Amino acid sequence: MDLIDLNKTEGRAELYLDLAGVIIVALNSEGIITLMNKKGYKMLEYDEGELLGKNWFDICVPSYLRDQVYEIFKSLMRGEIEPVEFYENPILTKNNKLKTIAWHNTLLYDDDRNIVGTLSAGEDSTKLDRMKSELLERIAHELKTPLVSIKGSTEIISSFYKEKLTPKIVSLLEIINRNTSRLENLINSILEASKLEIGVLTINKSGNNLASL
């Protein structure tokens, strides 16, 4: 193959990458971005070529996941763990928006079969995750409404009619109160998780002296 044919082949490959409806990104063994198609730049809200040579984990992975994900990547590069072909995780755009990406991954090797990086294709599943989170939130609210009524009713009975209640009924009311409180905490956890997934709830880290807790 002569130089002209080689240039045509490379140009055709680049065209195929840009026509792909998914983000395609290649990282070297240090996590540096060596390739990204136009869809990737558009999805991440960067100008074309702006991310080449930058560290993927420092720029595109949310801070609360960065260390964990990078440690997994380094273990992968050392050959200590097997690659996961498919997984989902959030990425951070230039404008600090969180997007959930469903990734398909493969390892890149040199001629001596040494691992030299990764090639990943990702599809934006943010809308699907948002729909799932909104459905969970709706279900949680629907469960919470009758739960509040049950808890309020038992508290009223316990407060205003305590002297007329038998010990057995008092014990049953206490059981109802305990279990409604447990369910309420569970529902609140579901609501917080759904807000976290759609980016409404943020995590604020702060230092604490464990000895004083």
Protein backbone atom coordinates (compact mmCIF):
# COMPACT_ATOMS: atom_id res chain seq x y z
CA MET A 1 0.00 0.00 0.00
CA ASP A 2 1.49 3.36 -0.99
CA LEU A 3 1.36 6.60 1.01
CA ILE A 4 -1.71 7.90 -0.83
CA ASP A 5 -3.66 4.73 -0.11
CA LEU A 6 -2.58 4.84 3.55
CA ASN A 7 -3.78 8.42 3.90
CA LYS A 8 -7.08 7.45 2.32
CA THR A 9 -7.45 4.54 4.76
CA GLU A 10 -6.71 6.73 7.78
CA GLY A 11 -9.10 9.38 6.54
CA ARG A 12 -11.81 6.80 6.02
CA ALA A 13 -11.31 5.40 9.54
CA GLU A 14 -11.54 8.91 11.00
CA LEU A 15 -14.73 9.50 9.02
CA TYR A 16 -16.25 6.29 10.39
CA LEU A 17 -15.43 7.37 13.95
CA ASP A 18 -17.04 10.76 13.42
CA LEU A 19 -20.15 9.21 11.89
CA ALA A 20 -20.63 6.91 14.87
CA GLY A 21 -23.61 7.83 17.02
CA VAL A 22 -21.69 7.09 20.22
CA ILE A 23 -18.75 8.64 22.04
CA ILE A 24 -15.48 6.90 21.17
CA VAL A 25 -12.44 7.59 23.35
CA ALA A 26 -8.99 6.02 23.62
CA LEU A 27 -6.76 6.37 26.68
CA ASN A 28 -3.11 5.46 27.07
CA SER A 29 -1.83 3.60 30.13
CA GLU A 30 -1.65 6.85 32.12
CA GLY A 31 -5.25 7.77 31.42
CA ILE A 32 -4.32 10.42 28.85
CA ILE A 33 -6.84 10.96 26.05
CA THR A 34 -5.25 10.00 22.73
CA LEU A 35 -8.38 9.90 20.57
CA MET A 36 -11.94 11.17 20.72
CA ASN A 37 -14.52 11.46 17.97
CA LYS A 38 -16.76 14.44 17.24
CA LYS A 39 -19.68 12.88 19.09
CA GLY A 40 -17.53 12.68 22.21
CA TYR A 41 -16.58 16.34 22.07
CA LYS A 42 -20.18 17.33 21.47
CA MET A 43 -21.44 15.18 24.34
CA LEU A 44 -18.81 16.58 26.70
CA GLU A 45 -19.38 20.15 25.43
CA TYR A 46 -15.73 20.74 24.47
CA ASP A 47 -14.29 22.11 21.24
CA GLU A 48 -12.93 19.47 18.91
CA GLY A 49 -9.36 18.55 19.85
CA GLU A 50 -9.52 20.38 23.19
CA LEU A 51 -9.18 17.22 25.28
CA LEU A 52 -6.33 15.53 23.42
CA GLY A 53 -3.36 15.05 25.75
CA LYS A 54 -5.48 15.71 28.86
CA ASN A 55 -6.08 13.26 31.71
CA TRP A 56 -9.54 11.72 31.36
CA PHE A 57 -9.96 11.08 35.08
CA ASP A 58 -8.96 14.60 36.15
CA ILE A 59 -11.34 16.27 33.72
CA CYS A 60 -14.23 13.96 32.86
CA VAL A 61 -14.81 11.84 35.97
CA PRO A 62 -16.77 13.43 38.87
CA SER A 63 -14.60 14.14 41.91
CA TYR A 64 -16.55 11.80 44.20
CA LEU A 65 -15.71 8.85 41.90
CA ARG A 66 -12.30 9.93 40.59
CA ASP A 67 -9.94 8.12 42.96
CA GLN A 68 -11.95 4.90 42.94
CA VAL A 69 -12.26 4.74 39.14
CA TYR A 70 -8.61 5.66 38.58
CA GLU A 71 -7.41 2.92 40.95
CA ILE A 72 -9.46 0.39 38.99
CA PHE A 73 -7.97 1.71 35.74
CA LYS A 74 -4.41 1.41 37.06
CA SER A 75 -5.07 -2.17 38.20
CA LEU A 76 -6.43 -2.88 34.73
CA MET A 77 -3.30 -1.46 33.09
CA ARG A 78 -1.11 -3.63 35.31
CA GLY A 79 -3.10 -6.69 34.27
CA GLU A 80 -4.23 -7.36 37.84
CA ILE A 81 -7.93 -7.52 37.00
CA GLU A 82 -9.97 -8.60 34.01
CA PRO A 83 -11.64 -5.85 31.96
CA VAL A 84 -15.38 -5.35 32.28
CA GLU A 85 -16.87 -5.27 28.81
CA PHE A 86 -19.94 -3.25 29.78
CA TYR A 87 -20.68 -0.84 32.62
CA GLU A 88 -22.34 2.50 33.38
CA ASN A 89 -20.87 5.50 35.13
CA PRO A 90 -21.39 9.27 35.17
CA ILE A 91 -19.11 11.70 33.38
CA LEU A 92 -18.69 15.43 33.84
CA THR A 93 -19.11 17.88 30.96
CA LYS A 94 -17.23 21.15 30.52
CA ASN A 95 -20.25 22.96 31.99
CA ASN A 96 -20.29 20.69 35.07
CA LYS A 97 -23.29 18.65 33.95
CA LEU A 98 -23.47 15.00 34.92
CA LYS A 99 -24.27 12.53 32.15
CA THR A 100 -24.64 8.79 32.61
CA ILE A 101 -22.78 6.81 29.95
CA ALA A 102 -23.20 3.13 29.12
CA TRP A 103 -19.71 1.97 28.09
CA HIS A 104 -18.37 -0.91 26.02
CA ASN A 105 -14.64 -1.35 26.53
CA THR A 106 -11.66 -3.20 25.14
CA LEU A 107 -7.96 -3.22 25.98
CA LEU A 108 -5.29 -2.01 23.58
CA TYR A 109 -2.03 -3.97 23.22
CA ASP A 110 1.33 -3.34 21.60
CA ASP A 111 3.13 -5.86 19.37
CA ASP A 112 4.48 -7.67 22.45
CA ARG A 113 0.98 -8.05 23.93
CA ASN A 114 1.63 -5.48 26.64
CA ILE A 115 -1.41 -3.48 27.71
CA VAL A 116 -1.00 0.10 26.48
CA GLY A 117 -4.46 1.59 26.98
CA THR A 118 -8.18 1.26 26.44
CA LEU A 119 -10.65 1.94 23.65
CA SER A 120 -14.21 2.67 24.75
CA ALA A 121 -17.51 3.36 23.04
CA GLY A 122 -20.19 5.00 25.16
CA GLU A 123 -23.85 5.83 24.73
CA ASP A 124 -25.65 8.53 26.68
CA SER A 125 -28.19 6.84 28.96
CA THR A 126 -28.89 9.96 31.05
CA LYS A 127 -32.51 10.28 29.87
CA LEU A 128 -33.22 6.64 30.67
CA ASP A 129 -31.65 6.99 34.12
CA ARG A 130 -33.59 10.20 34.72
CA MET A 131 -36.85 8.45 33.81
CA LYS A 132 -35.97 5.59 36.16
CA SER A 133 -35.13 8.00 38.98
CA GLU A 134 -38.30 10.01 38.43
CA LEU A 135 -40.35 6.81 38.52
CA LEU A 136 -38.68 5.77 41.78
CA GLU A 137 -39.35 9.22 43.21
CA ARG A 138 -43.01 9.04 42.21
CA ILE A 139 -43.41 5.59 43.75
CA ALA A 140 -41.67 6.74 46.93
CA HIS A 141 -44.02 9.73 47.25
CA GLU A 142 -47.04 7.50 46.68
CA LEU A 143 -45.85 5.19 49.45
CA LYS A 144 -45.02 8.04 51.79
CA THR A 145 -48.49 9.63 51.72
CA PRO A 146 -50.42 6.74 53.36
CA LEU A 147 -47.46 6.05 55.64
CA VAL A 148 -47.67 9.56 57.10
CA SER A 149 -51.40 9.05 57.71
CA ILE A 150 -50.81 5.73 59.48
CA LYS A 151 -48.05 7.16 61.65
CA GLY A 152 -50.07 10.26 62.50
CA SER A 153 -53.13 8.21 63.42
CA THR A 154 -51.21 5.89 65.75
CA GLU A 155 -49.55 8.87 67.45
CA ILE A 156 -52.94 10.53 68.01
CA ILE A 157 -54.40 7.32 69.47
CA SER A 158 -51.37 6.86 71.72
CA SER A 159 -51.49 10.46 72.95
CA PHE A 160 -55.21 11.01 73.50
CA TYR A 161 -56.47 7.53 74.39
CA LYS A 162 -53.48 6.04 76.17
CA GLU A 163 -55.31 5.56 79.49
CA LYS A 164 -58.11 3.63 77.78
CA LEU A 165 -55.80 1.29 75.87
CA THR A 166 -54.83 -2.17 77.04
CA PRO A 167 -51.09 -2.99 77.33
CA LYS A 168 -51.39 -5.27 74.30
CA ILE A 169 -52.83 -2.49 72.12
CA VAL A 170 -50.17 -0.06 73.35
CA SER A 171 -47.51 -2.61 72.40
CA LEU A 172 -49.05 -3.05 68.94
CA LEU A 173 -49.14 0.72 68.40
CA GLU A 174 -45.46 0.95 69.35
CA ILE A 175 -44.65 -1.78 66.82
CA ILE A 176 -46.61 0.11 64.14
CA ASN A 177 -44.74 3.33 64.96
CA ARG A 178 -41.34 1.65 64.83
CA ASN A 179 -42.03 -0.02 61.51
CA THR A 180 -43.55 3.07 59.90
CA SER A 181 -40.44 5.01 60.97
CA ARG A 182 -38.23 2.34 59.37
CA LEU A 183 -40.26 2.48 56.15
CA GLU A 184 -40.15 6.27 56.19
CA ASN A 185 -36.35 6.22 56.47
CA LEU A 186 -36.16 3.71 53.61
CA ILE A 187 -38.39 5.88 51.41
CA ASN A 188 -36.31 8.97 52.21
CA SER A 189 -33.18 7.04 51.19
CA ILE A 190 -34.83 6.13 47.87
CA LEU A 191 -35.76 9.78 47.30
CA GLU A 192 -32.22 10.95 48.05
CA ALA A 193 -30.72 8.29 45.77
CA SER A 194 -33.02 9.31 42.91
CA LYS A 195 -32.09 12.98 43.38
CA LEU A 196 -28.40 12.07 43.41
CA GLU A 197 -28.72 10.13 40.14
CA ILE A 198 -30.37 13.01 38.30
CA GLY A 199 -27.98 15.58 39.73
CA VAL A 200 -30.46 17.39 42.01
CA LEU A 201 -28.70 16.30 45.19
CA THR A 202 -24.98 16.96 45.61
CA ILE A 203 -22.52 15.50 48.09
CA ASN A 204 -20.63 17.98 50.25
CA LYS A 205 -17.55 16.53 51.90
CA SER A 206 -16.31 17.92 55.22
CA GLY A 207 -13.74 16.92 57.78
CA ASN A 208 -14.75 15.57 61.19
CA ASN A 209 -12.87 14.56 64.28
CA LEU A 210 -13.90 10.92 64.75
CA ALA A 211 -12.79 10.96 68.38
CA SER A 212 -15.45 13.55 69.19
CA LEU A 213 -18.29 11.58 67.59
